Amino acid sequence: MHLAVIMPRWVGDAVMATPALRSLRAHFPSARITGVMRPVIADLLAGTTWLDDTIAYDRHRRNPATSFAAAARALRAARPDAVAILPNSLSAAALAWRGGGRRRVGSAGHWRRWLLSDALPPHRDDRGRVTLVPPPVAFMDVAAALGAPRGPLTVELVASAADRAAAETLLARLFSGRDGPLVILNDNSATGTARAWGRDKLMGLARWLIERLPVVRLLVHCGPGDRDQARGVVESVAHPAVAGLHDEADLPIGLSKGLFARADLAISSDSGPRHIAAAFGVPTVAIVGPIDARLGRSDPERCVEIRLDLACSPCGKHDCPLGHHDCMGLIDVEQVGRAALEQLDRFADQRRGLVGSDARGPGAKSPTSP
């Protein structure tokens, strides 16, 4: 059997798809499974053994090699028996159809039912109203429609030995002589400005934490497009307890995996790094504003969500339509700081046992364990 899986575009959603991938591999141990995904998602999943092949696909990039047409041709040449369509988008269903998948399994909606051979109906409540389904559950629904068992929803990634070595080398250089708890601060988002807490808030939090936990190491995480904000935080706080990734020449996702695998705590806006942290069992404080919090619960046991109950939130917008950004801007530094200290205290013993003993997430026996 040959099964193709069209993966979500965003890092956080791809992490939340790992339980479905694990379940599919456990149910089809001898099948050839091909992942159709952005190259960065392939890097994210490196080290796992759920996929045998990949087809590069990123229709938002002006690269003929990863275009819709190129991915459709590669998929048709691979001749999959079935295509599991995890994203709930019209383009993903169209790709499965153009790629010649005989079975095309995905959720109905977004005008794509006619493109699917197996259209999963929406979830409804007792009154028959359509209800929101969190991504891990929605992705598992697709796997279950192909016969896979509904396994645990624990998200999981693997940090290679090289990833972990690079992280250790970097930390030793950035925090020379310091070995206190490692807290990663992340305020990045690839989908507009609405999810960001802001540089001033991040600086205030760093100062608040240093005052109460002088031995802490605060690492400001960033991607290639967020270097200026990270640099601004580090330079403004100007304390040896605070360092950032802004001056690193290369920022591969493997480095992020290695760092989060080593972290004691993550404090993050609702973006991809929050879910990478969850995949390594890192206690997290998530600062949530415009997005429905139910869409990002990749590790509810270890995550504290901080959000405000405002009439305008969640709006689901990439940029604040009202211009005031209150759902994030009104979240208090002390509230986040106290939640961070409580998380560090609550999970201190558990993290000491995990860090350095395994490069996978909590409870994972192997990259393929169901």
Foldseek 3Di string as FASTA:
>chain_A
DEEEEEADAFLLLNLLLLLLLLLLCVVCVPYAYEYEYAPLSVLQAPPFDSHDYYQHADCVDPDVSRHLVNSLVVLLVVAGQEYQYQDPEQSSLVSCQSNNHPAYFAEDDHPRPVSGPHHHYADADPVRHGDDDASSVRSNVSSVVVPGDNDDSQGKHFQDPVLQVVLVVVCCVLQPPADDAEEEEEQDAPQADLQGLDLVLLLVLVVVQCVVPVRAAYEYEDDQVCLVSLVVSCVVNVDSSYYYCSPPPDDRVSNLLSNLLQHQEYEYGQGNSVSSNSFAVHQYEYEYFQDDPSHRCSDVVRYHYDWDPDPCHNVPHNDDPVPPSCRNHVDHSVVSNVVRVVSSVVCVVVSVVRRPPGSMHPPDPGSSDD
